[in-house]
C-alpha atoms as a PDB file:
ATOM      1  CA  UNK A   1      75.533 138.500 109.788  1.00  0.00           C
ATOM      2  CA  UNK A   2      77.246 140.707 112.444  1.00  0.00           C
ATOM      3  CA  UNK A   3      80.349 139.521 114.235  1.00  0.00           C
ATOM      4  CA  UNK A   4      78.540 139.678 117.444  1.00  0.00           C
ATOM      5  CA  UNK A   5      76.483 136.741 116.482  1.00  0.00           C
ATOM      6  CA  UNK A   6      79.509 134.490 116.459  1.00  0.00           C
ATOM      7  CA  UNK A   7      79.922 135.149 120.266  1.00  0.00           C
ATOM      8  CA  UNK A   8      76.298 134.217 121.208  1.00  0.00           C
ATOM      9  CA  UNK A   9      75.953 130.930 123.248  1.00  0.00           C
ATOM     10  CA  UNK A  10      74.318 129.033 120.886  1.00  0.00           C
ATOM     11  CA  UNK A  11      76.532 129.328 117.958  1.00  0.00           C
ATOM     12  CA  UNK A  12      77.778 125.991 116.465  1.00  0.00           C
ATOM     13  CA  UNK A  13      81.281 126.613 116.804  1.00  0.00           C
ATOM     14  CA  UNK A  14      83.615 123.983 115.880  1.00  0.00           C
ATOM     15  CA  UNK A  15      81.023 122.507 113.340  1.00  0.00           C
ATOM     16  CA  UNK A  16      80.932 122.718 109.648  1.00  0.00           C
ATOM     17  CA  UNK A  17      77.341 124.552 109.873  1.00  0.00           C
ATOM     18  CA  UNK A  18      79.211 127.281 111.840  1.00  0.00           C
ATOM     19  CA  UNK A  19      81.714 127.744 109.347  1.00  0.00           C
ATOM     20  CA  UNK A  20      78.482 127.938 106.626  1.00  0.00           C
ATOM     21  CA  UNK A  21      77.410 130.438 108.912  1.00  0.00           C
ATOM     22  CA  UNK A  22      79.992 132.790 108.760  1.00  0.00           C
ATOM     23  CA  UNK A  23      82.423 131.565 111.253  1.00  0.00           C
ATOM     24  CA  UNK A  24      85.960 131.711 109.337  1.00  0.00           C
ATOM     25  CA  UNK A  25      88.457 132.983 112.025  1.00  0.00           C
ATOM     26  CA  UNK A  26      90.366 130.354 113.002  1.00  0.00           C
ATOM     27  CA  UNK A  27      92.093 132.036 115.958  1.00  0.00           C
ATOM     28  CA  UNK A  28      88.607 133.539 117.199  1.00  0.00           C
ATOM     29  CA  UNK A  29      86.651 130.370 116.697  1.00  0.00           C
ATOM     30  CA  UNK A  30      85.606 129.251 120.386  1.00  0.00           C
ATOM     31  CA  UNK A  31      85.726 125.598 119.358  1.00  0.00           C
ATOM     32  CA  UNK A  32      86.196 123.996 122.621  1.00  0.00           C
ATOM     33  CA  UNK A  33      83.772 121.728 122.844  1.00  0.00           C
ATOM     34  CA  UNK A  34      84.941 119.852 119.500  1.00  0.00           C
ATOM     35  CA  UNK A  35      88.634 120.558 119.726  1.00  0.00           C
ATOM     36  CA  UNK A  36      88.513 122.177 116.388  1.00  0.00           C
ATOM     37  CA  UNK A  37      87.705 125.454 114.821  1.00  0.00           C
ATOM     38  CA  UNK A  38      85.042 125.791 112.629  1.00  0.00           C
ATOM     39  CA  UNK A  39      87.576 126.177 109.474  1.00  0.00           C
ATOM     40  CA  UNK A  40      89.063 123.015 110.714  1.00  0.00           C
ATOM     41  CA  UNK A  41      85.589 121.222 110.971  1.00  0.00           C
ATOM     42  CA  UNK A  42      84.560 122.360 107.597  1.00  0.00           C
ATOM     43  CA  UNK A  43      87.967 120.945 106.083  1.00  0.00           C
ATOM     44  CA  UNK A  44      87.438 117.744 107.693  1.00  0.00           C
ATOM     45  CA  UNK A  45      83.750 117.544 106.534  1.00  0.00           C
ATOM     46  CA  UNK A  46      85.150 118.001 102.955  1.00  0.00           C
ATOM     47  CA  UNK A  47      87.753 115.471 103.122  1.00  0.00           C
ATOM     48  CA  UNK A  48      86.743 112.511 105.739  1.00  0.00           C
ATOM     49  CA  UNK A  49      83.685 110.631 104.632  1.00  0.00           C
ATOM     50  CA  UNK A  50      83.172 108.970 107.976  1.00  0.00           C
ATOM     51  CA  UNK A  51      83.024 112.371 109.601  1.00  0.00           C
ATOM     52  CA  UNK A  52      80.604 113.699 106.959  1.00  0.00           C
ATOM     53  CA  UNK A  53      78.360 111.026 107.514  1.00  0.00           C
ATOM     54  CA  UNK A  54      78.371 111.447 111.326  1.00  0.00           C
ATOM     55  CA  UNK A  55      77.592 115.100 110.715  1.00  0.00           C
ATOM     56  CA  UNK A  56      74.903 114.579 108.160  1.00  0.00           C
ATOM     57  CA  UNK A  57      73.036 111.978 110.372  1.00  0.00           C
ATOM     58  CA  UNK A  58      72.772 114.644 113.065  1.00  0.00           C
ATOM     59  CA  UNK A  59      75.554 113.181 115.715  1.00  0.00           C
ATOM     60  CA  UNK A  60      76.568 115.984 118.289  1.00  0.00           C
ATOM     61  CA  UNK A  61      79.962 117.232 118.323  1.00  0.00           C
ATOM     62  CA  UNK A  62      80.383 115.009 121.714  1.00  0.00           C
ATOM     63  CA  UNK A  63      79.172 111.931 119.861  1.00  0.00           C
ATOM     64  CA  UNK A  64      81.664 112.235 116.799  1.00  0.00           C
ATOM     65  CA  UNK A  65      84.345 112.926 119.508  1.00  0.00           C
ATOM     66  CA  UNK A  66      83.335 109.563 121.288  1.00  0.00           C
ATOM     67  CA  UNK A  67      83.200 107.936 118.211  1.00  0.00           C
ATOM     68  CA  UNK A  68      86.619 109.046 117.120  1.00  0.00           C
ATOM     69  CA  UNK A  69      88.198 108.174 120.484  1.00  0.00           C
ATOM     70  CA  UNK A  70      86.689 104.631 120.554  1.00  0.00           C
ATOM     71  CA  UNK A  71      88.051 104.157 116.765  1.00  0.00           C
ATOM     72  CA  UNK A  72      91.544 105.322 117.705  1.00  0.00           C
ATOM     73  CA  UNK A  73      91.470 102.502 120.740  1.00  0.00           C
ATOM     74  CA  UNK A  74      90.313 100.088 118.440  1.00  0.00           C
ATOM     75  CA  UNK A  75      92.750 100.715 115.754  1.00  0.00           C
ATOM     76  CA  UNK A  76      95.684 101.224 118.790  1.00  0.00           C
ATOM     77  CA  UNK A  77      94.529  97.423 119.998  1.00  0.00           C
ATOM     78  CA  UNK A  78      94.869  96.113 116.512  1.00  0.00           C
ATOM     79  CA  UNK A  79      98.372  97.711 115.758  1.00  0.00           C
ATOM     80  CA  UNK A  80      99.653  96.249 119.270  1.00  0.00           C
ATOM     81  CA  UNK A  81      98.494  92.789 118.432  1.00  0.00           C
ATOM     82  CA  UNK A  82     100.012  92.775 115.192  1.00  0.00           C
ATOM     83  CA  UNK A  83     103.522  94.077 116.519  1.00  0.00           C
ATOM     84  CA  UNK A  84     103.123  91.168 119.385  1.00  0.00           C
ATOM     85  CA  UNK A  85     102.514  88.666 116.729  1.00  0.00           C
ATOM     86  CA  UNK A  86     105.608  90.030 114.578  1.00  0.00           C
ATOM     87  CA  UNK A  87     108.184  90.367 117.451  1.00  0.00           C
ATOM     88  CA  UNK A  88     109.943  87.211 118.131  1.00  0.00           C
ATOM     89  CA  UNK A  89     110.705  85.868 121.648  1.00  0.00           C
ATOM     90  CA  UNK A  90     113.555  86.699 123.150  1.00  0.00           C
ATOM     91  CA  UNK A  91     116.260  84.129 123.314  1.00  0.00           C
ATOM     92  CA  UNK A  92     118.539  84.157 126.080  1.00  0.00           C
ATOM     93  CA  UNK A  93     122.229  84.421 124.931  1.00  0.00           C
ATOM     94  CA  UNK A  94     124.403  81.722 126.149  1.00  0.00           C
ATOM     95  CA  UNK A  95     127.687  84.059 127.381  1.00  0.00           C
ATOM     96  CA  UNK A  96     130.846  83.045 126.104  1.00  0.00           C
ATOM     97  CA  UNK A  97     133.741  82.874 128.786  1.00  0.00           C
ATOM     98  CA  UNK A  98     135.681  86.095 128.896  1.00  0.00           C
ATOM     99  CA  UNK A  99     139.147  85.986 126.816  1.00  0.00           C
ATOM    100  CA  UNK A 100     142.000  86.673 128.633  1.00  0.00           C
ATOM    101  CA  UNK A 101     143.513  89.810 126.741  1.00  0.00           C
ATOM    102  CA  UNK A 102     146.879  88.887 128.385  1.00  0.00           C
ATOM    103  CA  UNK A 103     147.529  85.330 126.258  1.00  0.00           C
ATOM    104  CA  UNK A 104     150.726  85.512 124.371  1.00  0.00           C
ATOM    105  CA  UNK A 105     150.283  85.148 120.599  1.00  0.00           C
ATOM    106  CA  UNK A 106     151.682  82.408 118.934  1.00  0.00           C
ATOM    107  CA  UNK A 107     154.807  83.002 117.666  1.00  0.00           C
ATOM    108  CA  UNK A 108     155.549  81.512 114.207  1.00  0.00           C
ATOM    109  CA  UNK A 109     159.226  82.355 114.279  1.00  0.00           C
ATOM    110  CA  UNK A 110     161.593  81.205 117.327  1.00  0.00           C
ATOM    111  CA  UNK A 111     163.626  84.157 118.759  1.00  0.00           C
ATOM    112  CA  UNK A 112     166.967  84.433 120.257  1.00  0.00           C
ATOM    113  CA  UNK A 113     170.547  84.136 118.514  1.00  0.00           C
ATOM    114  CA  UNK A 114     170.651  81.945 115.597  1.00  0.00           C
ATOM    115  CA  UNK A 115     166.902  82.824 114.436  1.00  0.00           C
ATOM    116  CA  UNK A 116     165.688  84.898 111.692  1.00  0.00           C
ATOM    117  CA  UNK A 117     163.790  87.244 114.206  1.00  0.00           C
ATOM    118  CA  UNK A 118     167.510  88.002 115.826  1.00  0.00           C
ATOM    119  CA  UNK A 119     169.286  88.507 112.318  1.00  0.00           C
ATOM    120  CA  UNK A 120     166.479  90.208 110.668  1.00  0.00           C
ATOM    121  CA  UNK A 121     166.136  92.581 113.585  1.00  0.00           C
ATOM    122  CA  UNK A 122     169.148  92.939 115.626  1.00  0.00           C
ATOM    123  CA  UNK A 123     172.186  90.928 114.776  1.00  0.00           C
ATOM    124  CA  UNK A 124     173.471  92.365 111.604  1.00  0.00           C
ATOM    125  CA  UNK A 125     177.020  91.756 111.670  1.00  0.00           C
ATOM    126  CA  UNK A 126     177.978  88.160 111.246  1.00  0.00           C
ATOM    127  CA  UNK A 127     181.263  88.103 113.009  1.00  0.00           C
ATOM    128  CA  UNK A 128     179.472  89.806 116.035  1.00  0.00           C
ATOM    129  CA  UNK A 129     176.911  87.112 116.565  1.00  0.00           C
ATOM    130  CA  UNK A 130     177.475  84.808 119.672  1.00  0.00           C
ATOM    131  CA  UNK A 131     177.074  81.700 117.781  1.00  0.00           C
ATOM    132  CA  UNK A 132     180.163  82.814 115.211  1.00  0.00           C
ATOM    133  CA  UNK A 133     182.437  80.013 115.164  1.00  0.00           C
ATOM    134  CA  UNK A 134     180.737  77.223 116.960  1.00  0.00           C
ATOM    135  CA  UNK A 135     178.287  74.431 115.899  1.00  0.00           C
ATOM    136  CA  UNK A 136     175.218  76.600 116.118  1.00  0.00           C
ATOM    137  CA  UNK A 137     173.776  78.765 113.089  1.00  0.00           C
ATOM    138  CA  UNK A 138     174.486  82.564 113.201  1.00  0.00           C
ATOM    139  CA  UNK A 139     171.661  84.918 112.934  1.00  0.00           C
ATOM    140  CA  UNK A 140     172.549  85.687 109.207  1.00  0.00           C
ATOM    141  CA  UNK A 141     172.586  82.060 108.362  1.00  0.00           C
ATOM    142  CA  UNK A 142     169.196  81.824 109.963  1.00  0.00           C
ATOM    143  CA  UNK A 143     168.128  84.434 107.789  1.00  0.00           C
ATOM    144  CA  UNK A 144     169.778  83.095 104.866  1.00  0.00           C
ATOM    145  CA  UNK A 145     168.264  79.735 105.458  1.00  0.00           C
ATOM    146  CA  UNK A 146     164.779  81.025 106.251  1.00  0.00           C
ATOM    147  CA  UNK A 147     164.971  83.091 102.799  1.00  0.00           C
ATOM    148  CA  UNK A 148     165.684  80.215 100.675  1.00  0.00           C
ATOM    149  CA  UNK A 149     162.949  78.010 102.330  1.00  0.00           C
ATOM    150  CA  UNK A 150     160.351  80.881 101.747  1.00  0.00           C
ATOM    151  CA  UNK A 151     161.808  81.420  97.810  1.00  0.00           C
ATOM    152  CA  UNK A 152     161.642  77.386  97.373  1.00  0.00           C
ATOM    153  CA  UNK A 153     158.095  77.165  98.852  1.00  0.00           C
ATOM    154  CA  UNK A 154     156.790  80.157  96.821  1.00  0.00           C
ATOM    155  CA  UNK A 155     158.373  78.300  93.551  1.00  0.00           C
ATOM    156  CA  UNK A 156     156.831  75.337  94.184  1.00  0.00           C
ATOM    157  CA  UNK A 157     153.064  76.994  94.910  1.00  0.00           C
ATOM    158  CA  UNK A 158     153.432  78.669  91.462  1.00  0.00           C
ATOM    159  CA  UNK A 159     154.213  75.798  89.842  1.00  0.00           C
ATOM    160  CA  UNK A 160     151.503  73.858  91.062  1.00  0.00           C
ATOM    161  CA  UNK A 161     149.163  76.825  90.092  1.00  0.00           C
ATOM    162  CA  UNK A 162     150.676  76.781  86.547  1.00  0.00           C
ATOM    163  CA  UNK A 163     150.148  73.040  86.333  1.00  0.00           C
ATOM    164  CA  UNK A 164     146.501  73.336  87.414  1.00  0.00           C
ATOM    165  CA  UNK A 165     146.048  75.965  84.959  1.00  0.00           C
ATOM    166  CA  UNK A 166     145.151  78.943  87.538  1.00  0.00           C
ATOM    167  CA  UNK A 167     147.937  81.114  86.035  1.00  0.00           C
ATOM    168  CA  UNK A 168     149.636  80.946  82.456  1.00  0.00           C
END
């Protein structure tokens, strides 16, 4: 077989028969009718049983192409139906009212002179507190009272845990 035989009009390009007759060059194959080269057609013939049955039954490349196109359409329809069945219906979410980011946070401790916060942060000298010498507690006294309450509470919580057997 010569190379010119591969260019003739009746040569079965894009089929396993064309591969068996000597068309083994992938780039030179004119398999426009089937959409594949003779090498690809032969590989598909060897690996795909359904394609092999169609070729052995004498189907033309156009019939094989339409068969596979219909098969792809059927498979896509089945996939789409399965996805639609799996996909849950969208539920409208109820919008929450917008938060006001400028709302003041609740403070645990009061502020101002005679408070833990003022004594801990600013009013360090006992005699310089404006409440010094009055009936109101000074800032240092407020810090001392807060620390005593906190320590007493901590001791009480630890005692309760020991009695419950949570710590030894």
